[in-house]
Each structure stands twice: as structure tokens, then as C-alpha cells.
Amino acid sequence: MAMTTFQYLKLERDGFVATVFLNRPKQLNALNLGMMNELVATLEELDHDDTIRAIVLTGDARAFAAGADIMEMADADSTEMLRRDQFAKWDRIRRIKKPLIAAVSGFALGGGCELMMHCDMVIASETAQFGQPEIKIGVMPGAGGTQRLTRAIGKVRAMEMVLTGKFISARQAEAWGLVNRVVPVECFLSEAQKLACEISEMSPIAVKLAKEAVNKNYESFLLDGLEFERKNFYLLFNTEDQKEGMKAFIEKRKAEFRGK
């Protein structure tokens, strides 16, 4: 078993299974641009590594990922967000061919919830909480949250989560079909690794083509929706409400939205 440490990640290899750890514990694994760059590069490297057949993505017991790094976006306008083209990295994660299993404990919020939904399967601990709270800071999900969440749990449930920013528990997520199963916190990672190991014993080419076939159905109407979501997400960065919402978040106070 080998462990490699990056600036924002840790990587463990054990047989045919690689485990990628998001590693910004003080920031509850908030997804900054540096972490996303490392994550995409690492996942693509593993995807091309014939010694790896399945990948587990996890954080720690406190948080899978508590969202995007708001400090990096607070002062940006729509033009700047378009120039960054940060969602190109998320598209690269979507194109990973090997099975990607999320092991989630604690917070999976905003971009963290969206990253989890980019995975093929999800094992959650009893302490896991899921949510898309972007509405509370004057924006909306932009990395597929409105699209994947709706397909996973249905329109009315997704609408309530997206428009109120409320969290749901691990048990709710399991009942609604957002995660495969819920296990005690002390074994969420080992259960995900056990599932990855089971899959890694199957024919790699058959697994690759089977994943592709399932995603063909899932993504048939997804791509148009993602494009529409991103357009609306970028538009919000030209509003006063976005500036107020993110400033309030940083200052740890309640936002006062004016509809402008």
C-alpha cells in the first residue's frame, strides 16, 4: 500500500484500487482552483493507469467537501467567470472511464455535493449531510447540481433543496436514491474500498463498457441542461445580490437581498 501526498490531495494505492483523499481539512475540503487542478490531473492519470481498475474519492470524517471556495469567487463578475471556464475541469471528471466511488462523511454541500454526484456510486456515513445551499449567497448550483440532483431525487425534492438551501440527512439521501447505502461512520471508507475491490475483480473492459452504457442513458438529456445551468450561473455574477450574498458569507452575517 503506497501513499502519495500533493498540496491539496493524498493518494493511496492498494492493489487494483486507488483512493483519492481531498486534503484541506481546516477549510472542510472546500474546492479551490488548486485542488480542482490537482484532482482532475490525478483522476486522469489513474484513468490511464492499467494497474488501477477502480477509484475511491473521499474527504475525511468531518467533510467530504463543504462547497466551493467562496473567497475565490466573491469579487468576480460574469466576464471573469466565463474567462476562468472552471467547469471545463468538471467535464473532464465526467469523462473518467473507470468506476468512481464516493465515500462521504460529514458535509457534502454545494460543489461538494455536485462532485459526489459526478461519481458513479456513493457510500455515505450516518453523519453525512447533503445540500445545495448556493441560493443563500445569491447564486445557484453551477457544476451540475440542478440537473443531476433532479434526475436523482425528482423535481419537487430537488426544487425544495435548491430554492431553500436546506440540507438532507444520510438516511433521507438513501431513501431518495441519492446514495447507494448508509453505514456507520467508522466504516464508510472501508465499505467504499470494499465495493471498489469487488468491481476491480471483474473484466476491466466489460466494466468500462458497462459504465459507458449506463451513462449513455443517464446523460441523454443532461448535456443541454448543464449548458443552460451554467449560463444562468454566470449571469448571477452581474447582480448586486451575488456580491451581497458572498460578502455576507465571508463576514459571517445574514445576507440582505434586494432583487437587483
Protein backbone atom coordinates (compact mmCIF):
# COMPACT_ATOMS: atom_id res chain seq x y z
CA MET A 1 0.00 0.00 0.00
CA ALA A 2 1.56 3.29 -1.13
CA MET A 3 0.58 6.83 -0.09
CA THR A 4 1.47 9.97 -2.08
CA THR A 5 0.80 13.49 -0.80
CA PHE A 6 0.12 16.51 -3.01
CA GLN A 7 -0.60 20.09 -1.96
CA TYR A 8 -4.36 19.53 -1.74
CA LEU A 9 -4.75 15.75 -2.08
CA LYS A 10 -3.48 12.45 -0.77
CA LEU A 11 -3.36 9.33 -2.95
CA GLU A 12 -3.32 5.75 -1.71
CA ARG A 13 -2.84 2.69 -3.93
CA ASP A 14 -3.81 -0.77 -2.75
CA GLY A 15 -3.88 -3.47 -5.39
CA PHE A 16 -6.21 -2.51 -8.21
CA VAL A 17 -7.88 0.25 -6.13
CA ALA A 18 -6.75 3.87 -5.79
CA THR A 19 -8.18 6.11 -3.06
CA VAL A 20 -8.00 9.88 -3.56
CA PHE A 21 -8.38 11.98 -0.39
CA LEU A 22 -9.43 15.64 -0.58
CA ASN A 23 -7.00 17.24 1.86
CA ARG A 24 -7.88 20.76 3.04
CA PRO A 25 -9.21 19.77 6.48
CA LYS A 26 -9.10 23.27 8.01
CA GLN A 27 -11.34 24.52 5.17
CA LEU A 28 -13.61 21.44 5.33
CA ASN A 29 -12.14 20.42 1.96
CA ALA A 30 -13.59 23.46 0.16
CA LEU A 31 -12.89 23.09 -3.55
CA ASN A 32 -10.48 25.84 -4.57
CA LEU A 33 -8.99 26.10 -8.06
CA GLY A 34 -5.72 24.50 -6.96
CA MET A 35 -7.49 21.46 -5.54
CA MET A 36 -9.61 21.06 -8.67
CA ASN A 37 -6.50 21.21 -10.87
CA GLU A 38 -4.79 18.51 -8.79
CA LEU A 39 -7.92 16.39 -8.63
CA VAL A 40 -8.56 16.39 -12.37
CA ALA A 41 -4.93 15.64 -13.20
CA THR A 42 -4.80 12.81 -10.65
CA LEU A 43 -8.06 11.21 -11.79
CA GLU A 44 -6.99 11.35 -15.43
CA GLU A 45 -3.61 9.81 -14.57
CA LEU A 46 -5.34 6.98 -12.71
CA ASP A 47 -7.77 6.55 -15.59
CA HIS A 48 -4.82 5.82 -17.89
CA ASP A 49 -3.02 3.57 -15.39
CA ASP A 50 -3.57 -0.10 -16.27
CA THR A 51 -2.68 -1.15 -12.71
CA ILE A 52 -5.77 0.66 -11.36
CA ARG A 53 -9.28 -0.63 -12.04
CA ALA A 54 -11.46 1.40 -9.64
CA ILE A 55 -11.12 4.73 -7.84
CA VAL A 56 -12.49 5.85 -4.46
CA LEU A 57 -12.87 9.59 -3.84
CA THR A 58 -13.22 10.77 -0.24
CA GLY A 59 -12.53 13.53 2.27
CA ASP A 60 -12.45 12.89 6.00
CA ALA A 61 -14.96 12.14 8.75
CA ARG A 62 -15.92 15.84 9.14
CA ALA A 63 -16.41 16.68 5.49
CA PHE A 64 -16.34 15.21 2.03
CA ALA A 65 -16.30 18.79 0.70
CA ALA A 66 -18.22 21.74 2.13
CA GLY A 67 -18.55 23.56 -1.19
CA ALA A 68 -16.52 25.81 -3.45
CA ASP A 69 -14.03 28.32 -2.05
CA ILE A 70 -16.21 31.45 -1.91
CA MET A 71 -13.19 33.71 -1.39
CA GLU A 72 -12.09 32.92 -4.96
CA MET A 73 -15.43 33.96 -6.48
CA ALA A 74 -16.80 36.77 -4.32
CA ASP A 75 -15.45 39.69 -6.38
CA ALA A 76 -15.74 38.12 -9.83
CA ASP A 77 -18.20 39.29 -12.48
CA SER A 78 -19.79 37.26 -15.28
CA THR A 79 -16.99 38.00 -17.72
CA GLU A 80 -14.34 36.85 -15.27
CA MET A 81 -16.24 33.65 -14.50
CA LEU A 82 -16.59 32.91 -18.21
CA ARG A 83 -12.88 33.55 -18.72
CA ARG A 84 -11.96 31.11 -15.95
CA ASP A 85 -14.03 28.37 -17.62
CA GLN A 86 -13.78 26.41 -14.39
CA PHE A 87 -16.47 23.95 -15.41
CA ALA A 88 -14.20 22.54 -18.13
CA LYS A 89 -12.47 20.69 -15.29
CA TRP A 90 -15.78 19.20 -14.16
CA ASP A 91 -16.41 17.97 -17.71
CA ARG A 92 -13.09 16.12 -17.54
CA ILE A 93 -14.20 14.38 -14.34
CA ARG A 94 -17.44 13.37 -16.07
CA ARG A 95 -15.36 11.69 -18.78
CA ILE A 96 -13.38 9.43 -16.41
CA LYS A 97 -13.90 5.91 -17.75
CA LYS A 98 -13.10 3.85 -14.67
CA PRO A 99 -15.63 3.36 -11.85
CA LEU A 100 -15.53 6.30 -9.44
CA ILE A 101 -16.96 5.67 -5.96
CA ALA A 102 -17.56 8.48 -3.47
CA ALA A 103 -17.04 7.73 0.23
CA VAL A 104 -18.90 10.54 2.01
CA SER A 105 -18.94 11.55 5.66
CA GLY A 106 -19.96 14.88 7.16
CA PHE A 107 -20.68 17.76 4.81
CA ALA A 108 -21.23 17.28 1.07
CA LEU A 109 -22.52 20.73 0.19
CA GLY A 110 -22.66 22.89 -2.91
CA GLY A 111 -19.73 21.95 -5.11
CA GLY A 112 -19.05 19.05 -2.75
CA CYS A 113 -22.49 17.62 -3.40
CA GLU A 114 -22.01 18.20 -7.12
CA LEU A 115 -18.63 16.44 -7.04
CA MET A 116 -20.23 13.49 -5.25
CA MET A 117 -22.90 13.34 -7.97
CA HIS A 118 -20.16 13.16 -10.62
CA CYS A 119 -19.23 9.79 -9.09
CA ASP A 120 -20.83 6.52 -10.20
CA MET A 121 -21.72 5.19 -6.74
CA VAL A 122 -21.87 6.68 -3.23
CA ILE A 123 -21.29 5.12 0.18
CA ALA A 124 -22.34 7.51 2.96
CA SER A 125 -21.68 7.55 6.67
CA GLU A 126 -24.52 8.09 9.14
CA THR A 127 -23.22 11.62 9.75
CA ALA A 128 -23.31 12.68 6.09
CA GLN A 129 -25.33 15.77 5.14
CA PHE A 130 -26.14 16.78 1.58
CA GLY A 131 -27.23 20.13 0.21
CA GLN A 132 -27.09 22.80 -2.48
CA PRO A 133 -27.06 25.98 -0.33
CA GLU A 134 -25.85 28.36 -3.08
CA ILE A 135 -29.18 30.21 -3.03
CA LYS A 136 -28.25 31.56 0.42
CA ILE A 137 -25.33 33.51 -1.05
CA GLY A 138 -27.17 34.90 -4.06
CA VAL A 139 -26.22 32.34 -6.69
CA MET A 140 -27.26 28.83 -7.75
CA PRO A 141 -25.59 25.48 -8.41
CA GLY A 142 -23.32 25.69 -11.44
CA ALA A 143 -21.47 22.36 -11.65
CA GLY A 144 -24.50 20.23 -12.46
CA GLY A 145 -26.41 20.48 -9.19
CA THR A 146 -29.75 21.49 -10.69
CA GLN A 147 -29.51 18.76 -13.31
CA ARG A 148 -28.06 15.73 -11.52
CA LEU A 149 -29.98 16.30 -8.30
CA THR A 150 -33.29 16.50 -10.20
CA ARG A 151 -32.57 13.27 -12.07
CA ALA A 152 -31.54 11.54 -8.82
CA ILE A 153 -34.35 12.53 -6.44
CA GLY A 154 -37.08 14.05 -8.64
CA LYS A 155 -38.27 17.57 -9.44
CA VAL A 156 -40.16 18.54 -6.30
CA ARG A 157 -37.50 17.36 -3.87
CA ALA A 158 -34.70 18.92 -5.90
CA MET A 159 -36.65 22.16 -6.22
CA GLU A 160 -37.06 22.44 -2.45
CA MET A 161 -33.39 21.74 -1.81
CA VAL A 162 -32.16 24.19 -4.47
CA LEU A 163 -34.58 27.02 -3.62
CA THR A 164 -34.24 26.81 0.17
CA GLY A 165 -30.67 25.58 0.54
CA LYS A 166 -31.83 23.02 3.12
CA PHE A 167 -29.65 20.02 3.91
CA ILE A 168 -30.84 16.43 3.95
CA SER A 169 -29.54 13.61 6.13
CA ALA A 170 -27.80 10.47 5.00
CA ARG A 171 -30.96 8.43 5.62
CA GLN A 172 -33.06 10.82 3.55
CA ALA A 173 -30.48 10.66 0.78
CA GLU A 174 -30.62 6.87 0.85
CA ALA A 175 -34.42 6.80 0.79
CA TRP A 176 -34.48 9.25 -2.14
CA GLY A 177 -31.91 7.33 -4.21
CA LEU A 178 -29.05 9.83 -3.93
CA VAL A 179 -26.66 7.31 -2.31
CA ASN A 180 -26.24 3.55 -2.52
CA ARG A 181 -26.26 2.89 1.22
CA VAL A 182 -25.52 4.33 4.65
CA VAL A 183 -23.04 2.74 7.05
CA PRO A 184 -21.54 3.63 10.46
CA VAL A 185 -19.04 6.47 10.29
CA GLU A 186 -16.14 4.23 11.28
CA CYS A 187 -16.50 2.10 8.15
CA PHE A 188 -17.72 4.43 5.36
CA LEU A 189 -14.31 4.43 3.67
CA SER A 190 -13.62 0.72 4.06
CA GLU A 191 -17.09 -0.07 2.64
CA ALA A 192 -16.39 2.09 -0.41
CA GLN A 193 -13.00 0.44 -0.86
CA LYS A 194 -14.59 -2.98 -0.48
CA LEU A 195 -17.06 -2.12 -3.27
CA ALA A 196 -14.22 -0.82 -5.44
CA CYS A 197 -12.27 -4.04 -4.81
CA GLU A 198 -15.27 -6.16 -5.78
CA ILE A 199 -15.65 -4.25 -9.06
CA SER A 200 -11.90 -4.43 -9.74
CA GLU A 201 -12.13 -8.23 -9.86
CA MET A 202 -14.39 -8.03 -12.92
CA SER A 203 -13.23 -7.71 -16.52
CA PRO A 204 -11.82 -4.16 -16.87
CA ILE A 205 -13.03 -3.79 -20.45
CA ALA A 206 -16.51 -5.07 -19.57
CA VAL A 207 -16.70 -2.66 -16.60
CA LYS A 208 -15.64 0.26 -18.80
CA LEU A 209 -18.25 -0.50 -21.48
CA ALA A 210 -20.98 -1.20 -18.92
CA LYS A 211 -20.35 2.17 -17.22
CA GLU A 212 -20.45 3.84 -20.62
CA ALA A 213 -23.79 2.18 -21.40
CA VAL A 214 -25.41 3.23 -18.11
CA ASN A 215 -24.16 6.79 -18.59
CA LYS A 216 -25.49 6.86 -22.13
CA ASN A 217 -28.99 6.62 -20.70
CA TYR A 218 -28.29 8.98 -17.81
CA GLU A 219 -26.67 11.69 -19.93
CA SER A 220 -29.02 11.61 -22.91
CA PHE A 221 -30.71 14.85 -21.82
CA LEU A 222 -28.09 16.02 -19.32
CA LEU A 223 -25.72 17.99 -21.53
CA ASP A 224 -28.26 20.56 -22.76
CA GLY A 225 -29.36 21.12 -19.17
CA LEU A 226 -25.79 21.62 -17.99
CA GLU A 227 -25.22 24.29 -20.65
CA PHE A 228 -28.38 26.15 -19.58
CA GLU A 229 -27.46 25.89 -15.89
CA ARG A 230 -24.00 27.37 -16.50
CA LYS A 231 -25.40 30.30 -18.47
CA ASN A 232 -27.73 31.22 -15.61
CA PHE A 233 -24.96 30.70 -13.05
CA TYR A 234 -22.67 33.14 -14.87
CA LEU A 235 -25.45 35.73 -15.24
CA LEU A 236 -25.84 35.91 -11.46
CA PHE A 237 -22.31 37.27 -11.12
CA ASN A 238 -23.53 40.57 -12.60
CA THR A 239 -26.05 41.09 -9.78
CA GLU A 240 -25.84 43.07 -6.56
CA ASP A 241 -27.41 40.12 -4.74
CA GLN A 242 -24.46 37.88 -5.61
CA LYS A 243 -21.99 40.42 -4.24
CA GLU A 244 -24.06 40.89 -1.07
CA GLY A 245 -24.59 37.15 -0.59
CA MET A 246 -20.93 36.21 -0.84
CA LYS A 247 -19.78 39.21 1.18
CA ALA A 248 -22.24 38.26 3.93
CA PHE A 249 -20.97 34.68 3.87
CA ILE A 250 -17.37 35.82 4.27
CA GLU A 251 -18.36 38.27 7.04
CA LYS A 252 -20.46 35.56 8.76
CA ARG A 253 -23.70 37.55 8.78
CA LYS A 254 -27.14 37.19 7.21
CA ALA A 255 -27.43 38.50 3.66
CA GLU A 256 -29.93 41.23 2.82
CA PHE A 257 -31.09 40.58 -0.74
CA ARG A 258 -32.77 43.35 -2.75
CA GLY A 259 -33.56 41.59 -6.02
CA LYS A 260 -31.02 43.56 -8.04
